[in-house]
């Protein structure tokens, strides 16, 4: 029988892996656009981020689907947290649209 602490640990690992994945996505887009090595950024980053996520899910699951589900819930929670933390303020967003510059 699976215990609550094991599920909470899987949830926490999901949040951490999700923060790395979605934070890395934000960071890649932010720095990759102005880089001379944009192709390396946009080809290498998804591979690295996906490998980290797959390894995290694999090690946390230990063959139990309930741990995978808990990890997935944490991963999705991290998506919403990173989205909220990296959101551009409305004033700046309207200025970007009007001027066409960051």
PDB file of N, CA and C in Angstrom:
ATOM      1  N   UNK A   1       0.839  -1.187   0.000  1.00  0.00           N
ATOM      2  CA  UNK A   1       0.000   0.000   0.000  1.00  0.00           C
ATOM      3  C   UNK A   1       0.883   1.250   0.000  1.00  0.00           C
ATOM      4  N   UNK A   2       0.495   2.203  -0.817  1.00  0.00           N
ATOM      5  CA  UNK A   2       1.267   3.446  -0.933  1.00  0.00           C
ATOM      6  C   UNK A   2       0.898   4.389   0.212  1.00  0.00           C
ATOM      7  N   UNK A   3       1.885   5.063   0.734  1.00  0.00           N
ATOM      8  CA  UNK A   3       1.648   5.972   1.842  1.00  0.00           C
ATOM      9  C   UNK A   3       1.599   7.407   1.353  1.00  0.00           C
ATOM     10  N   UNK A   4       0.949   8.248   2.147  1.00  0.00           N
ATOM     11  CA  UNK A   4       0.812   9.659   1.799  1.00  0.00           C
ATOM     12  C   UNK A   4       2.164  10.366   1.669  1.00  0.00           C
ATOM     13  N   UNK A   5       3.148  10.108   2.527  1.00  0.00           N
ATOM     14  CA  UNK A   5       4.444  10.786   2.352  1.00  0.00           C
ATOM     15  C   UNK A   5       5.102  10.489   1.003  1.00  0.00           C
ATOM     16  N   UNK A   6       4.926   9.271   0.510  1.00  0.00           N
ATOM     17  CA  UNK A   6       5.512   8.937  -0.787  1.00  0.00           C
ATOM     18  C   UNK A   6       4.833   9.719  -1.906  1.00  0.00           C
ATOM     19  N   UNK A   7       3.520   9.889  -1.793  1.00  0.00           N
ATOM     20  CA  UNK A   7       2.799  10.676  -2.807  1.00  0.00           C
ATOM     21  C   UNK A   7       3.159  12.153  -2.710  1.00  0.00           C
ATOM     22  N   UNK A   8       3.340  12.646  -1.487  1.00  0.00           N
ATOM     23  CA  UNK A   8       3.730  14.048  -1.324  1.00  0.00           C
ATOM     24  C   UNK A   8       5.131  14.298  -1.892  1.00  0.00           C
ATOM     25  N   UNK A   9       6.013  13.334  -1.701  1.00  0.00           N
ATOM     26  CA  UNK A   9       7.358  13.450  -2.273  1.00  0.00           C
ATOM     27  C   UNK A   9       7.285  13.452  -3.797  1.00  0.00           C
ATOM     28  N   UNK A  10       6.442  12.592  -4.360  1.00  0.00           N
ATOM     29  CA  UNK A  10       6.275  12.558  -5.815  1.00  0.00           C
ATOM     30  C   UNK A  10       5.703  13.886  -6.316  1.00  0.00           C
ATOM     31  N   UNK A  11       4.765  14.465  -5.573  1.00  0.00           N
ATOM     32  CA  UNK A  11       4.195  15.762  -5.941  1.00  0.00           C
ATOM     33  C   UNK A  11       5.268  16.844  -5.910  1.00  0.00           C
ATOM     34  N   UNK A  12       6.097  16.831  -4.872  1.00  0.00           N
ATOM     35  CA  UNK A  12       7.180  17.814  -4.749  1.00  0.00           C
ATOM     36  C   UNK A  12       8.197  17.671  -5.875  1.00  0.00           C
ATOM     37  N   UNK A  13       8.545  16.443  -6.207  1.00  0.00           N
ATOM     38  CA  UNK A  13       9.471  16.220  -7.324  1.00  0.00           C
ATOM     39  C   UNK A  13       8.846  16.724  -8.620  1.00  0.00           C
ATOM     40  N   UNK A  14       7.545  16.515  -8.796  1.00  0.00           N
ATOM     41  CA  UNK A  14       6.857  17.014  -9.980  1.00  0.00           C
ATOM     42  C   UNK A  14       6.913  18.532 -10.082  1.00  0.00           C
ATOM     43  N   UNK A  15       6.737  19.198  -8.949  1.00  0.00           N
ATOM     44  CA  UNK A  15       6.829  20.668  -8.939  1.00  0.00           C
ATOM     45  C   UNK A  15       8.241  21.111  -9.296  1.00  0.00           C
ATOM     46  N   UNK A  16       9.236  20.462  -8.735  1.00  0.00           N
ATOM     47  CA  UNK A  16      10.623  20.841  -9.020  1.00  0.00           C
ATOM     48  C   UNK A  16      10.986  20.590 -10.484  1.00  0.00           C
ATOM     49  N   UNK A  17      10.596  19.431 -10.998  1.00  0.00           N
ATOM     50  CA  UNK A  17      10.896  19.106 -12.397  1.00  0.00           C
ATOM     51  C   UNK A  17      10.138  20.052 -13.330  1.00  0.00           C
ATOM     52  N   UNK A  18       8.892  20.366 -12.976  1.00  0.00           N
ATOM     53  CA  UNK A  18       8.110  21.305 -13.778  1.00  0.00           C
ATOM     54  C   UNK A  18       8.702  22.701 -13.763  1.00  0.00           C
ATOM     55  N   UNK A  19       9.200  23.130 -12.599  1.00  0.00           N
ATOM     56  CA  UNK A  19       9.831  24.447 -12.511  1.00  0.00           C
ATOM     57  C   UNK A  19      11.082  24.503 -13.379  1.00  0.00           C
ATOM     58  N   UNK A  20      11.849  23.417 -13.382  1.00  0.00           N
ATOM     59  CA  UNK A  20      13.033  23.370 -14.244  1.00  0.00           C
ATOM     60  C   UNK A  20      12.620  23.396 -15.708  1.00  0.00           C
ATOM     61  N   UNK A  21      11.595  22.623 -16.065  1.00  0.00           N
ATOM     62  CA  UNK A  21      11.179  22.545 -17.463  1.00  0.00           C
ATOM     63  C   UNK A  21      10.615  23.881 -17.955  1.00  0.00           C
ATOM     64  N   UNK A  22       9.619  24.411 -17.254  1.00  0.00           N
ATOM     65  CA  UNK A  22       8.966  25.633 -17.734  1.00  0.00           C
ATOM     66  C   UNK A  22       9.801  26.877 -17.478  1.00  0.00           C
ATOM     67  N   UNK A  23      10.570  26.891 -16.383  1.00  0.00           N
ATOM     68  CA  UNK A  23      11.513  27.989 -16.175  1.00  0.00           C
ATOM     69  C   UNK A  23      12.601  27.982 -17.235  1.00  0.00           C
ATOM     70  N   UNK A  24      13.054  26.787 -17.598  1.00  0.00           N
ATOM     71  CA  UNK A  24      14.046  26.667 -18.668  1.00  0.00           C
ATOM     72  C   UNK A  24      13.490  27.094 -20.017  1.00  0.00           C
ATOM     73  N   UNK A  25      12.219  26.810 -20.247  1.00  0.00           N
ATOM     74  CA  UNK A  25      11.576  27.260 -21.486  1.00  0.00           C
ATOM     75  C   UNK A  25      11.551  28.781 -21.549  1.00  0.00           C
ATOM     76  N   UNK A  26      11.145  29.411 -20.457  1.00  0.00           N
ATOM     77  CA  UNK A  26      11.096  30.868 -20.404  1.00  0.00           C
ATOM     78  C   UNK A  26      12.497  31.450 -20.602  1.00  0.00           C
ATOM     79  N   UNK A  27      13.468  30.852 -19.929  1.00  0.00           N
ATOM     80  CA  UNK A  27      14.839  31.331 -20.021  1.00  0.00           C
ATOM     81  C   UNK A  27      15.380  31.152 -21.440  1.00  0.00           C
ATOM     82  N   UNK A  28      15.086  30.041 -22.072  1.00  0.00           N
ATOM     83  CA  UNK A  28      15.540  29.775 -23.436  1.00  0.00           C
ATOM     84  C   UNK A  28      14.973  30.801 -24.410  1.00  0.00           C
ATOM     85  N   UNK A  29      13.699  31.071 -24.310  1.00  0.00           N
ATOM     86  CA  UNK A  29      13.080  32.045 -25.218  1.00  0.00           C
ATOM     87  C   UNK A  29      13.642  33.436 -24.969  1.00  0.00           C
ATOM     88  N   UNK A  30      13.783  33.781 -23.704  1.00  0.00           N
ATOM     89  CA  UNK A  30      14.279  35.116 -23.355  1.00  0.00           C
ATOM     90  C   UNK A  30      15.694  35.351 -23.888  1.00  0.00           C
ATOM     91  N   UNK A  31      16.585  34.380 -23.762  1.00  0.00           N
ATOM     92  CA  UNK A  31      17.971  34.569 -24.166  1.00  0.00           C
ATOM     93  C   UNK A  31      18.262  34.061 -25.569  1.00  0.00           C
ATOM     94  N   UNK A  32      17.475  33.113 -26.040  1.00  0.00           N
ATOM     95  CA  UNK A  32      17.735  32.538 -27.355  1.00  0.00           C
ATOM     96  C   UNK A  32      17.411  33.467 -28.504  1.00  0.00           C
ATOM     97  N   UNK A  33      16.448  34.350 -28.301  1.00  0.00           N
ATOM     98  CA  UNK A  33      16.038  35.269 -29.366  1.00  0.00           C
ATOM     99  C   UNK A  33      17.173  36.207 -29.760  1.00  0.00           C
ATOM    100  N   UNK A  34      17.922  36.696 -28.781  1.00  0.00           N
ATOM    101  CA  UNK A  34      18.974  37.678 -29.077  1.00  0.00           C
ATOM    102  C   UNK A  34      20.359  37.050 -29.197  1.00  0.00           C
ATOM    103  N   UNK A  35      20.442  35.744 -29.187  1.00  0.00           N
ATOM    104  CA  UNK A  35      21.730  35.077 -29.226  1.00  0.00           C
ATOM    105  C   UNK A  35      22.196  34.842 -30.656  1.00  0.00           C
ATOM    106  N   UNK A  36      23.520  34.819 -30.829  1.00  0.00           N
ATOM    107  CA  UNK A  36      24.084  34.442 -32.126  1.00  0.00           C
ATOM    108  C   UNK A  36      23.944  32.947 -32.355  1.00  0.00           C
ATOM    109  N   UNK A  37      23.761  32.190 -31.290  1.00  0.00           N
ATOM    110  CA  UNK A  37      23.647  30.741 -31.348  1.00  0.00           C
ATOM    111  C   UNK A  37      22.206  30.302 -31.091  1.00  0.00           C
ATOM    112  N   UNK A  38      21.251  30.959 -31.701  1.00  0.00           N
ATOM    113  CA  UNK A  38      19.836  30.675 -31.464  1.00  0.00           C
ATOM    114  C   UNK A  38      19.470  29.234 -31.802  1.00  0.00           C
ATOM    115  N   UNK A  39      20.049  28.691 -32.854  1.00  0.00           N
ATOM    116  CA  UNK A  39      19.729  27.311 -33.239  1.00  0.00           C
ATOM    117  C   UNK A  39      20.150  26.337 -32.145  1.00  0.00           C
ATOM    118  N   UNK A  40      21.286  26.575 -31.527  1.00  0.00           N
ATOM    119  CA  UNK A  40      21.744  25.710 -30.450  1.00  0.00           C
ATOM    120  C   UNK A  40      20.796  25.809 -29.259  1.00  0.00           C
ATOM    121  N   UNK A  41      20.387  27.022 -28.931  1.00  0.00           N
ATOM    122  CA  UNK A  41      19.450  27.226 -27.829  1.00  0.00           C
ATOM    123  C   UNK A  41      18.145  26.481 -28.079  1.00  0.00           C
ATOM    124  N   UNK A  42      17.571  26.692 -29.256  1.00  0.00           N
ATOM    125  CA  UNK A  42      16.239  26.167 -29.527  1.00  0.00           C
ATOM    126  C   UNK A  42      16.223  24.694 -29.902  1.00  0.00           C
ATOM    127  N   UNK A  43      17.359  24.115 -30.224  1.00  0.00           N
ATOM    128  CA  UNK A  43      17.432  22.670 -30.459  1.00  0.00           C
ATOM    129  C   UNK A  43      17.925  21.911 -29.230  1.00  0.00           C
ATOM    130  N   UNK A  44      18.846  22.488 -28.502  1.00  0.00           N
ATOM    131  CA  UNK A  44      19.413  21.803 -27.353  1.00  0.00           C
ATOM    132  C   UNK A  44      18.562  21.887 -26.096  1.00  0.00           C
ATOM    133  N   UNK A  45      17.919  23.013 -25.900  1.00  0.00           N
ATOM    134  CA  UNK A  45      17.130  23.202 -24.692  1.00  0.00           C
ATOM    135  C   UNK A  45      15.980  22.204 -24.551  1.00  0.00           C
ATOM    136  N   UNK A  46      15.182  21.972 -25.595  1.00  0.00           N
ATOM    137  CA  UNK A  46      14.095  20.987 -25.421  1.00  0.00           C
ATOM    138  C   UNK A  46      14.612  19.585 -25.127  1.00  0.00           C
ATOM    139  N   UNK A  47      15.739  19.236 -25.722  1.00  0.00           N
ATOM    140  CA  UNK A  47      16.309  17.917 -25.459  1.00  0.00           C
ATOM    141  C   UNK A  47      16.748  17.786 -24.005  1.00  0.00           C
ATOM    142  N   UNK A  48      17.436  18.791 -23.503  1.00  0.00           N
ATOM    143  CA  UNK A  48      17.901  18.765 -22.122  1.00  0.00           C
ATOM    144  C   UNK A  48      16.729  18.799 -21.146  1.00  0.00           C
ATOM    145  N   UNK A  49      15.782  19.696 -21.378  1.00  0.00           N
ATOM    146  CA  UNK A  49      14.633  19.807 -20.478  1.00  0.00           C
ATOM    147  C   UNK A  49      13.800  18.533 -20.476  1.00  0.00           C
ATOM    148  N   UNK A  50      13.593  17.935 -21.642  1.00  0.00           N
ATOM    149  CA  UNK A  50      12.819  16.689 -21.726  1.00  0.00           C
ATOM    150  C   UNK A  50      13.541  15.542 -21.031  1.00  0.00           C
ATOM    151  N   UNK A  51      14.846  15.484 -21.172  1.00  0.00           N
ATOM    152  CA  UNK A  51      15.615  14.439 -20.508  1.00  0.00           C
ATOM    153  C   UNK A  51      15.502  14.566 -18.991  1.00  0.00           C
ATOM    154  N   UNK A  52      15.539  15.788 -18.484  1.00  0.00           N
ATOM    155  CA  UNK A  52      15.404  16.012 -17.042  1.00  0.00           C
ATOM    156  C   UNK A  52      14.026  15.578 -16.561  1.00  0.00           C
ATOM    157  N   UNK A  53      12.985  15.937 -17.313  1.00  0.00           N
ATOM    158  CA  UNK A  53      11.618  15.563 -16.933  1.00  0.00           C
ATOM    159  C   UNK A  53      11.437  14.049 -16.962  1.00  0.00           C
ATOM    160  N   UNK A  54      11.897  13.410 -18.027  1.00  0.00           N
ATOM    161  CA  UNK A  54      11.755  11.955 -18.121  1.00  0.00           C
ATOM    162  C   UNK A  54      12.514  11.243 -17.004  1.00  0.00           C
ATOM    163  N   UNK A  55      13.706  11.700 -16.693  1.00  0.00           N
ATOM    164  CA  UNK A  55      14.475  11.091 -15.610  1.00  0.00           C
ATOM    165  C   UNK A  55      13.773  11.295 -14.266  1.00  0.00           C
ATOM    166  N   UNK A  56      13.251  12.494 -14.041  1.00  0.00           N
ATOM    167  CA  UNK A  56      12.531  12.759 -12.795  1.00  0.00           C
ATOM    168  C   UNK A  56      11.316  11.875 -12.639  1.00  0.00           C
ATOM    169  N   UNK A  57      10.512  11.770 -13.689  1.00  0.00           N
ATOM    170  CA  UNK A  57       9.323  10.922 -13.643  1.00  0.00           C
ATOM    171  C   UNK A  57       9.706   9.454 -13.460  1.00  0.00           C
ATOM    172  N   UNK A  58      10.745   9.031 -14.119  1.00  0.00           N
ATOM    173  CA  UNK A  58      11.173   7.631 -14.033  1.00  0.00           C
ATOM    174  C   UNK A  58      11.627   7.269 -12.620  1.00  0.00           C
ATOM    175  N   UNK A  59      12.467   8.106 -12.030  1.00  0.00           N
ATOM    176  CA  UNK A  59      12.999   7.795 -10.709  1.00  0.00           C
ATOM    177  C   UNK A  59      11.955   7.941  -9.609  1.00  0.00           C
ATOM    178  N   UNK A  60      11.008   8.859  -9.772  1.00  0.00           N
ATOM    179  CA  UNK A  60      10.003   9.035  -8.731  1.00  0.00           C
ATOM    180  C   UNK A  60       8.925   7.956  -8.803  1.00  0.00           C
ATOM    181  N   UNK A  61       8.668   7.409  -9.965  1.00  0.00           N
ATOM    182  CA  UNK A  61       7.549   6.478 -10.130  1.00  0.00           C
ATOM    183  C   UNK A  61       7.786   5.137  -9.440  1.00  0.00           C
ATOM    184  N   UNK A  62       8.954   4.579  -9.565  1.00  0.00           N
ATOM    185  CA  UNK A  62       9.288   3.274  -9.001  1.00  0.00           C
ATOM    186  C   UNK A  62       8.234   2.226  -9.365  1.00  0.00           C
ATOM    187  N   UNK A  63       7.686   2.334 -10.558  1.00  0.00           N
ATOM    188  CA  UNK A  63       6.722   1.357 -11.050  1.00  0.00           C
ATOM    189  C   UNK A  63       5.308   1.532 -10.530  1.00  0.00           C
ATOM    190  N   UNK A  64       5.003   2.618  -9.849  1.00  0.00           N
ATOM    191  CA  UNK A  64       3.663   2.835  -9.293  1.00  0.00           C
ATOM    192  C   UNK A  64       2.973   3.976 -10.030  1.00  0.00           C
ATOM    193  N   UNK A  65       1.837   3.694 -10.620  1.00  0.00           N
ATOM    194  CA  UNK A  65       1.136   4.688 -11.421  1.00  0.00           C
ATOM    195  C   UNK A  65       0.630   5.850 -10.571  1.00  0.00           C
ATOM    196  N   UNK A  66       0.353   5.615  -9.284  1.00  0.00           N
ATOM    197  CA  UNK A  66      -0.140   6.701  -8.422  1.00  0.00           C
ATOM    198  C   UNK A  66       0.946   7.752  -8.194  1.00  0.00           C
ATOM    199  N   UNK A  67       2.179   7.317  -8.120  1.00  0.00           N
ATOM    200  CA  UNK A  67       3.284   8.273  -7.984  1.00  0.00           C
ATOM    201  C   UNK A  67       3.472   9.066  -9.274  1.00  0.00           C
ATOM    202  N   UNK A  68       3.257   8.423 -10.405  1.00  0.00           N
ATOM    203  CA  UNK A  68       3.357   9.136 -11.682  1.00  0.00           C
ATOM    204  C   UNK A  68       2.279  10.204 -11.774  1.00  0.00           C
ATOM    205  N   UNK A  69       1.069   9.862 -11.339  1.00  0.00           N
ATOM    206  CA  UNK A  69      -0.029  10.835 -11.365  1.00  0.00           C
ATOM    207  C   UNK A  69       0.270  11.996 -10.422  1.00  0.00           C
ATOM    208  N   UNK A  70       0.775  11.706  -9.227  1.00  0.00           N
ATOM    209  CA  UNK A  70       1.130  12.769  -8.279  1.00  0.00           C
ATOM    210  C   UNK A  70       2.225  13.661  -8.853  1.00  0.00           C
ATOM    211  N   UNK A  71       3.206  13.061  -9.514  1.00  0.00           N
ATOM    212  CA  UNK A  71       4.286  13.823 -10.134  1.00  0.00           C
ATOM    213  C   UNK A  71       3.744  14.700 -11.263  1.00  0.00           C
ATOM    214  N   UNK A  72       2.824  14.165 -12.039  1.00  0.00           N
ATOM    215  CA  UNK A  72       2.212  14.924 -13.126  1.00  0.00           C
ATOM    216  C   UNK A  72       1.413  16.109 -12.593  1.00  0.00           C
ATOM    217  N   UNK A  73       0.685  15.909 -11.503  1.00  0.00           N
ATOM    218  CA  UNK A  73      -0.063  17.014 -10.894  1.00  0.00           C
ATOM    219  C   UNK A  73       0.903  18.111 -10.442  1.00  0.00           C
ATOM    220  N   UNK A  74       2.005  17.728  -9.820  1.00  0.00           N
ATOM    221  CA  UNK A  74       3.018  18.712  -9.423  1.00  0.00           C
ATOM    222  C   UNK A  74       3.622  19.424 -10.613  1.00  0.00           C
ATOM    223  N   UNK A  75       3.849  18.683 -11.690  1.00  0.00           N
ATOM    224  CA  UNK A  75       4.390  19.264 -12.920  1.00  0.00           C
ATOM    225  C   UNK A  75       3.450  20.336 -13.466  1.00  0.00           C
ATOM    226  N   UNK A  76       2.154  20.035 -13.484  1.00  0.00           N
ATOM    227  CA  UNK A  76       1.170  21.006 -13.979  1.00  0.00           C
ATOM    228  C   UNK A  76       1.024  22.193 -13.035  1.00  0.00           C
ATOM    229  N   UNK A  77       1.155  21.957 -11.736  1.00  0.00           N
ATOM    230  CA  UNK A  77       1.141  23.065 -10.785  1.00  0.00           C
ATOM    231  C   UNK A  77       2.297  24.016 -11.054  1.00  0.00           C
ATOM    232  N   UNK A  78       3.453  23.461 -11.350  1.00  0.00           N
ATOM    233  CA  UNK A  78       4.624  24.286 -11.658  1.00  0.00           C
ATOM    234  C   UNK A  78       4.394  25.098 -12.915  1.00  0.00           C
ATOM    235  N   UNK A  79       3.691  24.527 -13.880  1.00  0.00           N
ATOM    236  CA  UNK A  79       3.392  25.263 -15.112  1.00  0.00           C
ATOM    237  C   UNK A  79       2.606  26.535 -14.797  1.00  0.00           C
ATOM    238  N   UNK A  80       1.588  26.406 -13.968  1.00  0.00           N
ATOM    239  CA  UNK A  80       0.788  27.572 -13.613  1.00  0.00           C
ATOM    240  C   UNK A  80       1.594  28.567 -12.780  1.00  0.00           C
ATOM    241  N   UNK A  81       2.438  28.091 -11.886  1.00  0.00           N
ATOM    242  CA  UNK A  81       3.257  28.992 -11.076  1.00  0.00           C
ATOM    243  C   UNK A  81       4.259  29.766 -11.927  1.00  0.00           C
ATOM    244  N   UNK A  82       4.954  29.073 -12.828  1.00  0.00           N
ATOM    245  CA  UNK A  82       5.928  29.749 -13.683  1.00  0.00           C
ATOM    246  C   UNK A  82       5.215  30.739 -14.609  1.00  0.00           C
ATOM    247  N   UNK A  83       4.047  30.364 -15.105  1.00  0.00           N
ATOM    248  CA  UNK A  83       3.278  31.276 -15.957  1.00  0.00           C
ATOM    249  C   UNK A  83       2.903  32.543 -15.200  1.00  0.00           C
ATOM    250  N   UNK A  84       2.477  32.403 -13.958  1.00  0.00           N
ATOM    251  CA  UNK A  84       2.125  33.577 -13.157  1.00  0.00           C
ATOM    252  C   UNK A  84       3.335  34.434 -12.837  1.00  0.00           C
ATOM    253  N   UNK A  85       4.452  33.800 -12.527  1.00  0.00           N
ATOM    254  CA  UNK A  85       5.647  34.553 -12.132  1.00  0.00           C
ATOM    255  C   UNK A  85       6.340  35.254 -13.295  1.00  0.00           C
ATOM    256  N   UNK A  86       6.159  34.765 -14.502  1.00  0.00           N
ATOM    257  CA  UNK A  86       6.853  35.347 -15.653  1.00  0.00           C
ATOM    258  C   UNK A  86       5.938  36.183 -16.542  1.00  0.00           C
ATOM    259  N   UNK A  87       4.753  36.441 -16.087  1.00  0.00           N
ATOM    260  CA  UNK A  87       3.790  37.204 -16.870  1.00  0.00           C
ATOM    261  C   UNK A  87       4.236  38.654 -17.023  1.00  0.00           C
ATOM    262  N   UNK A  88       4.058  39.187 -18.222  1.00  0.00           N
ATOM    263  CA  UNK A  88       4.407  40.576 -18.501  1.00  0.00           C
ATOM    264  C   UNK A  88       3.250  41.460 -18.033  1.00  0.00           C
ATOM    265  N   UNK A  89       3.536  42.556 -17.295  1.00  0.00           N
ATOM    266  CA  UNK A  89       2.461  43.452 -16.852  1.00  0.00           C
ATOM    267  C   UNK A  89       1.672  44.016 -18.035  1.00  0.00           C
ATOM    268  N   UNK A  90       0.412  44.320 -17.812  1.00  0.00           N
ATOM    269  CA  UNK A  90      -0.483  44.795 -18.878  1.00  0.00           C
ATOM    270  C   UNK A  90       0.053  46.070 -19.514  1.00  0.00           C
ATOM    271  N   UNK A  91       0.588  46.989 -18.713  1.00  0.00           N
ATOM    272  CA  UNK A  91       1.092  48.246 -19.267  1.00  0.00           C
ATOM    273  C   UNK A  91       2.231  47.989 -20.253  1.00  0.00           C
ATOM    274  N   UNK A  92       3.138  47.114 -19.880  1.00  0.00           N
ATOM    275  CA  UNK A  92       4.266  46.814 -20.746  1.00  0.00           C
ATOM    276  C   UNK A  92       3.810  46.057 -21.982  1.00  0.00           C
ATOM    277  N   UNK A  93       2.814  45.168 -21.813  1.00  0.00           N
ATOM    278  CA  UNK A  93       2.301  44.403 -22.936  1.00  0.00           C
ATOM    279  C   UNK A  93       1.677  45.337 -23.990  1.00  0.00           C
ATOM    280  N   UNK A  94       0.903  46.320 -23.540  1.00  0.00           N
ATOM    281  CA  UNK A  94       0.283  47.240 -24.497  1.00  0.00           C
ATOM    282  C   UNK A  94       1.331  48.116 -25.176  1.00  0.00           C
ATOM    283  N   UNK A  95       2.401  48.478 -24.445  1.00  0.00           N
ATOM    284  CA  UNK A  95       3.481  49.263 -25.044  1.00  0.00           C
ATOM    285  C   UNK A  95       4.223  48.434 -26.093  1.00  0.00           C
ATOM    286  N   UNK A  96       4.429  47.159 -25.815  1.00  0.00           N
ATOM    287  CA  UNK A  96       5.097  46.287 -26.775  1.00  0.00           C
ATOM    288  C   UNK A  96       4.265  46.173 -28.050  1.00  0.00           C
ATOM    289  N   UNK A  97       2.964  46.037 -27.907  1.00  0.00           N
ATOM    290  CA  UNK A  97       2.096  45.923 -29.070  1.00  0.00           C
ATOM    291  C   UNK A  97       2.108  47.200 -29.895  1.00  0.00           C
ATOM    292  N   UNK A  98       2.048  48.344 -29.214  1.00  0.00           N
ATOM    293  CA  UNK A  98       2.012  49.627 -29.915  1.00  0.00           C
ATOM    294  C   UNK A  98       3.345  49.942 -30.590  1.00  0.00           C
ATOM    295  N   UNK A  99       4.447  49.761 -29.882  1.00  0.00           N
ATOM    296  CA  UNK A  99       5.752  50.143 -30.399  1.00  0.00           C
ATOM    297  C   UNK A  99       6.408  49.027 -31.204  1.00  0.00           C
ATOM    298  N   UNK A 100       6.069  47.811 -30.922  1.00  0.00           N
ATOM    299  CA  UNK A 100       6.682  46.685 -31.605  1.00  0.00           C
ATOM    300  C   UNK A 100       8.086  46.383 -31.136  1.00  0.00           C
ATOM    301  N   UNK A 101       8.435  46.845 -29.927  1.00  0.00           N
ATOM    302  CA  UNK A 101       9.773  46.614 -29.372  1.00  0.00           C
ATOM    303  C   UNK A 101       9.647  46.182 -27.928  1.00  0.00           C
ATOM    304  N   UNK A 102      10.644  45.456 -27.414  1.00  0.00           N
ATOM    305  CA  UNK A 102      10.593  45.011 -26.004  1.00  0.00           C
ATOM    306  C   UNK A 102      10.781  46.115 -25.004  1.00  0.00           C
TER     307      UNK A 102
END
